[in-house]
Protein backbone atom coordinates (compact mmCIF):
# COMPACT_ATOMS: atom_id res chain seq x y z
CA UNK A 1 0.00 0.00 0.00
CA UNK A 2 1.19 3.48 -0.75
CA UNK A 3 1.74 5.82 2.17
CA UNK A 4 -0.59 8.18 0.37
CA UNK A 5 -3.35 5.65 0.02
CA UNK A 6 -4.28 4.35 3.45
CA UNK A 7 -7.42 2.34 4.09
CA UNK A 8 -10.61 4.18 4.96
CA UNK A 9 -11.70 4.62 8.56
CA UNK A 10 -14.65 2.40 7.67
CA UNK A 11 -12.34 -0.46 6.73
CA UNK A 12 -10.08 0.06 9.74
CA UNK A 13 -13.16 -0.11 11.98
CA UNK A 14 -14.33 -3.32 10.26
CA UNK A 15 -10.87 -4.83 10.56
CA UNK A 16 -10.60 -3.93 14.26
CA UNK A 17 -14.02 -5.46 14.95
CA UNK A 18 -12.61 -8.89 14.14
CA UNK A 19 -10.22 -8.45 17.06
CA UNK A 20 -13.23 -7.56 19.21
CA UNK A 21 -14.95 -10.75 18.02
CA UNK A 22 -12.15 -13.30 18.19
CA UNK A 23 -10.77 -12.09 21.52
CA UNK A 24 -13.81 -13.68 23.18
CA UNK A 25 -12.66 -17.15 22.16
CA UNK A 26 -9.09 -16.92 23.40
CA UNK A 27 -10.10 -15.10 26.58
CA UNK A 28 -12.91 -17.38 27.71
CA UNK A 29 -12.13 -20.74 26.11
CA UNK A 30 -8.33 -20.82 26.21
CA UNK A 31 -7.13 -18.46 28.93
CA UNK A 32 -9.56 -17.99 31.80
CA UNK A 33 -12.73 -20.08 31.93
CA UNK A 34 -12.74 -23.33 29.98
CA UNK A 35 -9.11 -24.22 30.74
CA UNK A 36 -9.74 -24.24 34.49
CA UNK A 37 -13.13 -25.96 33.98
CA UNK A 38 -11.50 -28.63 31.80
CA UNK A 39 -8.79 -29.35 34.39
CA UNK A 40 -11.20 -29.32 37.31
CA UNK A 41 -14.31 -31.07 35.94
CA UNK A 42 -13.77 -32.71 32.52
CA UNK A 43 -10.55 -34.50 33.45
CA UNK A 44 -11.31 -37.34 35.92
CA UNK A 45 -10.51 -36.56 39.53
CA UNK A 46 -7.20 -38.05 40.64
CA UNK A 47 -5.57 -37.97 37.20
CA UNK A 48 -1.82 -37.34 37.54
CA UNK A 49 -1.54 -35.56 34.19
CA UNK A 50 -4.29 -32.96 34.42
CA UNK A 51 -2.27 -30.09 32.92
CA UNK A 52 -0.83 -32.40 30.27
CA UNK A 53 -4.27 -33.18 28.80
CA UNK A 54 -4.72 -29.45 28.26
CA UNK A 55 -1.25 -29.29 26.70
CA UNK A 56 -2.20 -32.08 24.28
CA UNK A 57 -5.17 -30.06 23.00
CA UNK A 58 -3.06 -26.93 22.63
CA UNK A 59 -0.09 -28.61 20.96
CA UNK A 60 -2.24 -30.54 18.46
CA UNK A 61 -4.09 -27.40 17.39
CA UNK A 62 -0.80 -25.50 17.07
CA UNK A 63 0.62 -28.18 14.79
CA UNK A 64 -2.39 -28.02 12.49
CA UNK A 65 -2.27 -24.21 12.44
CA UNK A 66 1.47 -24.25 11.73
CA UNK A 67 0.81 -26.20 8.53
CA UNK A 68 -2.39 -24.43 7.45
CA UNK A 69 -1.37 -20.79 8.06
CA UNK A 70 1.50 -20.68 5.51
CA UNK A 71 -0.67 -22.58 3.03
CA UNK A 72 -3.50 -20.07 3.43
CA UNK A 73 -1.04 -17.20 3.02
CA UNK A 74 0.38 -18.80 -0.11
CA UNK A 75 -3.12 -19.12 -1.59
CA UNK A 76 -3.89 -15.47 -0.77
CA UNK A 77 -0.78 -14.27 -2.59
CA UNK A 78 -1.77 -16.40 -5.59
CA UNK A 79 -5.10 -14.56 -5.79
CA UNK A 80 -7.50 -16.41 -3.48
CA UNK A 81 -10.08 -14.35 -1.58
CA UNK A 82 -8.94 -13.33 1.90
CA UNK A 83 -12.51 -12.74 3.01
CA UNK A 84 -13.63 -16.19 1.89
CA UNK A 85 -10.81 -17.92 3.75
CA UNK A 86 -11.48 -15.77 6.81
CA UNK A 87 -15.18 -16.67 6.70
CA UNK A 88 -14.40 -20.40 6.52
CA UNK A 89 -12.08 -20.26 9.52
CA UNK A 90 -14.61 -18.22 11.51
CA UNK A 91 -17.46 -20.65 10.83
CA UNK A 92 -15.36 -23.66 11.85
CA UNK A 93 -14.35 -21.96 15.10
CA UNK A 94 -17.93 -21.01 15.92
CA UNK A 95 -19.38 -24.47 15.22
CA UNK A 96 -16.83 -26.50 17.14
CA UNK A 97 -16.79 -24.13 20.10
CA UNK A 98 -20.55 -24.55 20.41
CA UNK A 99 -20.12 -28.35 20.31
CA UNK A 100 -18.33 -28.13 23.68
CA UNK A 101 -21.87 -27.82 25.08
CA UNK A 102 -22.20 -31.62 24.66
CA UNK A 103 -19.01 -32.49 26.58
CA UNK A 104 -19.71 -34.03 29.99
CA UNK A 105 -17.22 -34.78 32.81
CA UNK A 106 -14.96 -37.66 31.82
CA UNK A 107 -15.35 -37.04 28.06
CA UNK A 108 -11.75 -35.83 27.85
CA UNK A 109 -11.00 -36.83 24.28
CA UNK A 110 -14.23 -35.36 22.89
CA UNK A 111 -13.32 -32.09 24.58
CA UNK A 112 -9.80 -32.27 23.16
CA UNK A 113 -11.13 -32.96 19.63
CA UNK A 114 -13.50 -29.97 19.67
CA UNK A 115 -10.82 -27.75 21.20
CA UNK A 116 -8.27 -28.77 18.57
CA UNK A 117 -10.57 -27.94 15.65
CA UNK A 118 -11.94 -24.69 17.09
CA UNK A 119 -8.53 -23.44 18.20
CA UNK A 120 -6.93 -24.33 14.86
CA UNK A 121 -9.64 -22.38 13.04
CA UNK A 122 -9.26 -19.44 15.44
CA UNK A 123 -5.49 -19.28 14.88
CA UNK A 124 -5.89 -19.55 11.12
CA UNK A 125 -8.36 -16.66 11.17
CA UNK A 126 -5.98 -14.54 13.23
CA UNK A 127 -3.23 -14.94 10.61
CA UNK A 128 -5.59 -14.23 7.71
CA UNK A 129 -7.11 -11.09 9.21
CA UNK A 130 -3.62 -9.79 10.08
CA UNK A 131 -2.64 -10.02 6.41
CA UNK A 132 -5.09 -7.16 5.74
CA UNK A 133 -2.87 -4.77 7.75
CA UNK A 134 -0.63 -3.67 4.83
CA UNK A 135 -3.82 -2.94 2.84
CA UNK A 136 -5.41 -0.59 5.36
CA UNK A 137 -2.37 1.18 6.87
CA UNK A 138 0.73 2.90 5.52
CA UNK A 139 4.03 1.49 6.74
CA UNK A 140 4.67 4.56 8.88
CA UNK A 141 1.25 4.19 10.50
CA UNK A 142 1.10 0.41 10.89
CA UNK A 143 2.06 0.53 14.55
CA UNK A 144 -0.82 2.86 15.35
CA UNK A 145 -3.42 0.89 13.37
CA UNK A 146 -2.20 -2.47 14.68
CA UNK A 147 -2.22 -1.09 18.23
CA UNK A 148 -5.76 0.21 17.88
CA UNK A 149 -6.95 -3.15 16.54
CA UNK A 150 -5.25 -5.09 19.30
CA UNK A 151 -6.35 -2.57 21.91
CA UNK A 152 -10.05 -2.57 21.08
CA UNK A 153 -9.86 -6.36 20.95
CA UNK A 154 -9.58 -6.27 24.71
CA UNK A 155 -13.00 -4.67 24.82
CA UNK A 156 -14.22 -7.95 23.33
CA UNK A 157 -12.42 -9.81 26.07
CA UNK A 158 -14.08 -7.64 28.70
CA UNK A 159 -17.57 -8.05 27.26
CA UNK A 160 -17.26 -11.81 26.84
CA UNK A 161 -15.78 -12.33 30.29
CA UNK A 162 -18.57 -10.32 31.92
CA UNK A 163 -21.14 -12.23 29.85
CA UNK A 164 -19.82 -15.60 30.99
CA UNK A 165 -18.69 -15.05 34.58
CA UNK A 166 -21.42 -12.67 35.75
CA UNK A 167 -24.48 -13.49 33.65
CA UNK A 168 -24.07 -17.19 32.78
CA UNK A 169 -21.77 -19.04 35.20
CA UNK A 170 -23.38 -17.99 38.48
CA UNK A 171 -23.58 -21.27 40.46
CA UNK A 172 -21.28 -22.05 43.37
CA UNK A 173 -19.29 -25.19 42.39
CA UNK A 174 -18.91 -26.21 46.03
CA UNK A 175 -22.60 -27.04 46.46
CA UNK A 176 -24.15 -26.69 42.96
CA UNK A 177 -21.83 -28.85 40.89
CA UNK A 178 -24.38 -30.01 38.30
CA UNK A 179 -25.65 -26.48 37.71
CA UNK A 180 -22.10 -25.14 37.53
CA UNK A 181 -21.16 -27.71 34.88
CA UNK A 182 -24.26 -26.98 32.80
CA UNK A 183 -23.63 -23.23 32.98
CA UNK A 184 -20.05 -23.68 31.76
CA UNK A 185 -21.38 -25.72 28.85
CA UNK A 186 -23.88 -22.99 27.95
CA UNK A 187 -21.10 -20.42 28.11
CA UNK A 188 -19.46 -22.09 25.11
CA UNK A 189 -22.65 -21.58 23.09
CA UNK A 190 -22.78 -17.95 24.19
CA UNK A 191 -19.18 -17.34 23.08
CA UNK A 192 -19.91 -18.90 19.69
CA UNK A 193 -22.86 -16.57 19.14
CA UNK A 194 -20.86 -13.58 20.34
CA UNK A 195 -17.97 -14.36 17.96
CA UNK A 196 -20.32 -14.72 15.00
CA UNK A 197 -22.27 -11.51 15.67
CA UNK A 198 -19.27 -9.27 16.30
CA UNK A 199 -17.43 -10.58 13.23
CA UNK A 200 -20.23 -9.47 10.88
CA UNK A 201 -18.93 -5.85 10.53
CA UNK A 202 -15.60 -7.22 9.30
CA UNK A 203 -17.21 -8.98 6.36
CA UNK A 204 -19.60 -6.11 5.61
CA UNK A 205 -17.17 -3.18 5.80
CA UNK A 206 -13.89 -4.58 4.46
CA UNK A 207 -12.90 -4.98 0.83
CA UNK A 208 -11.05 -8.09 -0.31
CA UNK A 209 -7.88 -6.23 -1.44
CA UNK A 210 -6.68 -8.69 -4.05
CA UNK A 211 -3.27 -7.79 -5.50
CA UNK A 212 -1.58 -8.69 -8.76
CA UNK A 213 0.22 -11.91 -7.84
CA UNK A 214 3.99 -12.11 -8.05
CA UNK A 215 4.67 -14.38 -11.09
CA UNK A 216 7.24 -16.31 -9.06
CA UNK A 217 4.62 -17.06 -6.40
CA UNK A 218 2.08 -18.19 -8.99
CA UNK A 219 4.50 -20.85 -10.21
CA UNK A 220 5.55 -21.87 -6.70
CA UNK A 221 3.92 -25.17 -5.58
CA UNK A 222 1.77 -25.06 -2.45
CA UNK A 223 4.01 -27.58 -0.69
CA UNK A 224 6.90 -25.09 -0.85
CA UNK A 225 5.02 -22.68 1.42
CA UNK A 226 6.61 -24.59 4.34
CA UNK A 227 10.14 -24.59 2.88
CA UNK A 228 11.69 -22.39 5.57
CA UNK A 229 15.24 -22.59 4.20
CA UNK A 230 14.13 -21.27 0.82
CA UNK A 231 12.16 -18.51 2.53
CA UNK A 232 15.26 -17.63 4.57
CA UNK A 233 17.29 -17.24 1.38
CA UNK A 234 14.58 -15.04 -0.15
CA UNK A 235 13.78 -12.94 2.95
CA UNK A 236 16.65 -13.33 5.47
CA UNK A 237 15.80 -10.29 7.62
CA UNK A 238 12.16 -11.33 8.04
CA UNK A 239 13.20 -14.86 9.00
CA UNK A 240 15.81 -13.58 11.48
CA UNK A 241 13.09 -11.50 13.10
CA UNK A 242 10.77 -14.51 13.24
CA UNK A 243 13.44 -16.46 15.16
CA UNK A 244 13.58 -13.75 17.85
CA UNK A 245 9.78 -13.49 17.74
CA UNK A 246 9.52 -17.25 18.32
CA UNK A 247 11.20 -17.06 21.73
CA UNK A 248 9.79 -13.92 23.30
CA UNK A 249 6.31 -14.80 22.05
CA UNK A 250 6.64 -18.22 23.69
CA UNK A 251 6.86 -16.34 26.98
CA UNK A 252 3.71 -14.36 26.24
CA UNK A 253 1.82 -17.43 25.05
CA UNK A 254 2.69 -19.35 28.22
CA UNK A 255 0.99 -16.72 30.33
CA UNK A 256 -2.04 -16.51 28.02
CA UNK A 257 -2.54 -20.27 27.94
CA UNK A 258 -1.91 -21.12 31.59
CA UNK A 259 -2.79 -18.06 33.67
CA UNK A 260 -6.23 -19.39 34.55
CA UNK A 261 -4.81 -22.71 35.72
CA UNK A 262 -1.94 -21.00 37.59
CA UNK A 263 -4.12 -18.59 39.55
CA UNK A 264 -6.68 -21.22 40.54
CA UNK A 265 -4.15 -23.91 41.48
CA UNK A 266 -1.20 -21.96 42.92
CA UNK A 267 -2.97 -18.98 44.47
CA UNK A 268 -6.31 -20.65 45.18
CA UNK A 269 -8.22 -17.88 43.42
CA UNK A 270 -11.84 -18.49 42.50
CA UNK A 271 -13.49 -17.21 39.30
CA UNK A 272 -15.23 -14.56 41.41
CA UNK A 273 -11.86 -13.28 42.66
CA UNK A 274 -10.42 -13.29 39.17
CA UNK A 275 -13.16 -11.16 37.61
CA UNK A 276 -12.04 -7.74 38.93
CA UNK A 277 -8.38 -8.61 38.28
CA UNK A 278 -9.20 -9.68 34.75
CA UNK A 279 -11.25 -6.56 34.05
CA UNK A 280 -8.46 -4.30 35.29
CA UNK A 281 -5.85 -6.23 33.32
CA UNK A 282 -7.88 -6.03 30.13
CA UNK A 283 -8.13 -2.27 30.55
CA UNK A 284 -4.38 -1.94 31.14
CA UNK A 285 -3.74 -4.17 28.10
CA UNK A 286 -6.03 -2.05 25.94
CA UNK A 287 -4.31 1.16 27.05
CA UNK A 288 -0.87 -0.40 26.59
CA UNK A 289 -1.57 -1.69 23.08
CA UNK A 290 -2.98 1.63 21.83
CA UNK A 291 -0.43 3.82 23.64
CA UNK A 292 2.56 1.78 22.50
CA UNK A 293 1.27 1.99 18.93
CA UNK A 294 1.87 5.75 19.08
CA UNK A 295 5.15 5.20 20.94
CA UNK A 296 6.26 2.89 18.14
CA UNK A 297 5.66 5.63 15.58
CA UNK A 298 8.15 7.82 17.48
CA UNK A 299 10.86 5.39 18.61
CA UNK A 300 10.45 2.47 16.19
CA UNK A 301 9.29 -1.11 16.55
CA UNK A 302 12.55 -2.57 17.87
CA UNK A 303 12.85 -0.09 20.75
CA UNK A 304 9.17 -0.59 21.56
CA UNK A 305 9.68 -4.34 21.70
CA UNK A 306 12.64 -3.92 24.07
CA UNK A 307 10.52 -1.84 26.44
CA UNK A 308 7.72 -4.41 26.47
CA UNK A 309 10.12 -7.35 26.90
CA UNK A 310 11.55 -5.51 29.91
CA UNK A 311 8.06 -5.14 31.36
CA UNK A 312 7.48 -8.87 30.95
CA UNK A 313 10.77 -9.82 32.60
CA UNK A 314 9.92 -7.73 35.66
CA UNK A 315 6.41 -9.25 35.83
CA UNK A 316 7.42 -12.92 35.46
CA UNK A 317 10.37 -12.60 37.84
CA UNK A 318 8.00 -11.09 40.39
CA UNK A 319 5.61 -14.02 39.93
CA UNK A 320 8.45 -16.47 40.48
CA UNK A 321 9.44 -14.71 43.70
CA UNK A 322 5.87 -13.87 44.71
CA UNK A 323 5.87 -15.61 48.09
CA UNK A 324 9.27 -14.17 49.05
CA UNK A 325 8.23 -10.66 48.05
CA UNK A 326 4.97 -11.06 49.97
CA UNK A 327 6.87 -12.08 53.11
CA UNK A 328 9.29 -9.15 52.85
CA UNK A 329 6.49 -6.64 52.34
CA UNK A 330 4.16 -8.30 54.83
CA UNK A 331 1.44 -8.50 52.19
CA UNK A 332 -0.85 -11.18 50.80
CA UNK A 333 0.43 -12.96 47.69
CA UNK A 334 -2.99 -12.55 46.05
CA UNK A 335 -2.87 -8.78 46.56
CA UNK A 336 0.61 -8.50 45.06
CA UNK A 337 -0.46 -10.61 42.10
CA UNK A 338 -2.98 -7.90 41.18
CA UNK A 339 -0.19 -5.36 40.66
CA UNK A 340 1.90 -7.86 38.72
CA UNK A 341 -1.08 -8.63 36.47
CA UNK A 342 -1.63 -4.93 35.77
CA UNK A 343 2.04 -4.50 34.87
CA UNK A 344 1.99 -7.51 32.55
CA UNK A 345 -1.24 -6.23 31.03
CA UNK A 346 0.45 -3.10 29.70
CA UNK A 347 2.88 -5.30 27.79
CA UNK A 348 0.70 -8.16 26.64
CA UNK A 349 -1.06 -6.34 23.83
CA UNK A 350 1.77 -4.01 22.85
CA UNK A 351 4.37 -6.75 22.35
CA UNK A 352 2.03 -8.67 20.04
CA UNK A 353 0.78 -5.58 18.22
CA UNK A 354 4.29 -4.24 17.59
CA UNK A 355 5.38 -7.64 16.28
CA UNK A 356 2.43 -7.77 13.88
CA UNK A 357 3.21 -4.23 12.74
CA UNK A 358 6.86 -5.07 12.14
CA UNK A 359 5.96 -8.01 9.90
CA UNK A 360 3.87 -5.62 7.79
CA UNK A 361 6.71 -3.09 7.60
CA UNK A 362 9.20 -5.73 6.43
CA UNK A 363 6.92 -7.23 3.77
CA UNK A 364 6.08 -6.39 0.17
CA UNK A 365 2.34 -5.80 -0.19
CA UNK A 366 1.77 -8.60 -2.70
CA UNK A 367 3.63 -11.01 -0.39
CA UNK A 368 1.61 -10.11 2.71
CA UNK A 369 -0.37 -13.35 2.73
CA UNK A 370 2.78 -15.50 2.80
CA UNK A 371 4.48 -13.24 5.36
CA UNK A 372 1.56 -13.33 7.77
CA UNK A 373 1.11 -17.03 7.10
CA UNK A 374 4.67 -17.48 8.35
CA UNK A 375 3.87 -15.11 11.22
CA UNK A 376 1.10 -17.56 12.09
CA UNK A 377 3.53 -20.46 11.74
CA UNK A 378 6.04 -18.98 14.18
CA UNK A 379 3.30 -17.73 16.49
CA UNK A 380 1.99 -21.30 16.78
CA UNK A 381 5.52 -22.66 17.12
CA UNK A 382 5.90 -20.29 20.06
CA UNK A 383 2.63 -21.54 21.48
CA UNK A 384 3.90 -25.14 21.26
CA UNK A 385 6.94 -24.14 23.29
CA UNK A 386 4.54 -22.45 25.70
CA UNK A 387 2.37 -25.55 25.96
CA UNK A 388 5.39 -27.42 27.31
CA UNK A 389 4.83 -25.40 30.49
CA UNK A 390 2.18 -27.92 31.48
CA UNK A 391 4.60 -30.85 31.25
CA UNK A 392 7.43 -28.94 32.96
CA UNK A 393 5.02 -27.86 35.70
CA UNK A 394 3.88 -31.44 36.28
CA UNK A 395 7.51 -32.54 36.68
CA UNK A 396 9.17 -29.60 38.46
CA UNK A 397 6.18 -27.56 39.84
CA UNK A 398 4.44 -24.59 38.28
CA UNK A 399 6.54 -22.11 40.25
CA UNK A 400 9.85 -23.49 38.96
CA UNK A 401 8.44 -23.71 35.43
CA UNK A 402 8.31 -19.89 35.45
CA UNK A 403 12.11 -19.93 35.00
CA UNK A 404 11.49 -21.36 31.53
CA UNK A 405 9.30 -18.35 30.74
CA UNK A 406 12.02 -15.92 31.85
CA UNK A 407 14.52 -17.71 29.59
CA UNK A 408 12.19 -17.31 26.59
CA UNK A 409 12.14 -13.52 26.97
CA UNK A 410 15.91 -13.22 27.47
CA UNK A 411 16.72 -15.33 24.40
CA UNK A 412 14.21 -13.37 22.31
CA UNK A 413 15.73 -10.03 23.32
CA UNK A 414 19.26 -11.19 22.48
CA UNK A 415 18.22 -12.48 19.05
CA UNK A 416 16.22 -9.32 18.29
CA UNK A 417 19.35 -7.21 18.81
CA UNK A 418 21.03 -9.07 15.94
CA UNK A 419 18.33 -8.42 13.31
CA UNK A 420 19.21 -5.65 10.77
CA UNK A 421 15.71 -4.17 10.53
CA UNK A 422 16.44 -0.60 9.41
CA UNK A 423 17.69 -1.27 5.88
CA UNK A 424 14.77 -3.52 4.92
CA UNK A 425 12.16 -1.11 6.29
CA UNK A 426 13.72 1.78 4.33
CA UNK A 427 13.76 -0.38 1.20
CA UNK A 428 10.05 -1.17 1.56
CA UNK A 429 9.24 2.53 2.08
CA UNK A 430 11.19 3.41 -1.07
CA UNK A 431 9.30 0.73 -3.02
CA UNK A 432 5.99 2.18 -1.82
CA UNK A 433 7.05 5.68 -2.90
CA UNK A 434 8.06 4.39 -6.34
CA UNK A 435 4.67 2.69 -6.79
CA UNK A 436 2.91 5.86 -5.69
CA UNK A 437 4.81 7.93 -8.28
CA UNK A 438 4.02 5.42 -11.02
CA UNK A 439 0.34 5.48 -10.05
CA UNK A 440 0.25 9.23 -10.50
C-alpha cells in the first residue's frame, strides 16, 4: 500500500471489529474459563496428568495451524479471496466451540477434539485477518493501526468475560456442581454466538484487497510454502526477526494459555476473585496496546519491543518470587499478584501488536499473505513451546516452570538485537514511494 493511500476509517473499523470478536474465544475458552473448567471437571478426579491433557489439546491445534497458516497465506498471494478464507475459519471456530456444550465430565477426548478444531480455526483466522494490515495502513502508521486493533480487541475480552462469569456461570461449584457444569457448557454456546455476531462488521465493511500476484509465487507449488530454508534465502531479515519473535512470544503465550490454571491452582483464586483482576488487566492491556502503537511511531518497533520485553521480565520474575516478596512486604500474595497482572497487562497487547506491525513493515504488499502465514507459523511454534509449560510444571512444579518463561524472553531479546531491521524497512518505504509515483 502506498503511504498516500491508506485504508478508509470504515475499513479500519471493520478490521478492528474482528479483534473484538475473536478475543472472546481466546479469553474465555483458552485463557480464563474453559481451561480451568476442563482441568477441574472434565478430566477425571485423581488424574496425575491434568495439565498435560490441556497441553495435548493446545499442541495438536498448534501443529495443524502451523501447517495451514503458511498454506492459506500462499493461496492469498496467488489470488485467493482473503474474506472467503477468513469466513471459513470463523465458521469452523464457531461451530466446534458450540459443540463443547455436549461435553460431559470424563469425556476428555471429545473435549480435546472440539478444542483442537476450534482453536486451529481461530489461529488460522488470526493470521488471515492480520494479512489485511498492509492494505489498510501505511508502513509509517502500521504501529498505530495495529495497536488500535489489538487494543479494542480487549473490549471484546471484557464483554465476553462479563457475559460468561457474571451473567451465565453464576452457580457455586462447592454445592451446585451439576448447575455449575451446565452453565459452563452454555457459556461455550454464548461465546460462539458472540464471535459470530461481532465478526459481521468485518465482512460487511472490508474490501477483499486482491493484488496482482507475483509471477514467481504463482508458479511456486503449495508444498513449498513450508520450505523455511528457501524462505530464509529469499527474505533473510524477516526470518531472522521470526526467530527472535519465536522465543519472546513463547513467553507471552505461556501466560495466556496457563494463567487461569496457575491462579486457581497456585494462588487458590476463585473465578469470582479473578473477575475484577481480569477486568483491570484487560483495561491496562487495551491502554498499553494503543499507547505503545503511538510510541512505536516515534521510537520504532525494535525499541518498543525492548521496552515491552523488559516489562514482561519484571512481571514474570516477580511471579516467580511472589511468596518471598509477599513475606518481605508483609502482604498477601494474592494482593501482590494484582499489581503484577496490571504490569503484565500493559505489555501483553503491545508486544504482540508491535510484532504484527513489524511483519507488515518488512513485507512487500503482494507477499503479505505469505508473510503473515509465516507469522502464524512462528506464532503457533511459540505456542507449542509455551504448551510445554504444562509438562514442565507437572515434573518440576508450576513455580519453577516460570524460569522457563524468563529464559524465553531473554533469548528473544538477544536475538532481536542481531536483526538488521532498518535497511529492509527503508527499502520497503522506497518501493511504496516508487509505486505511488508510477500510479500518479
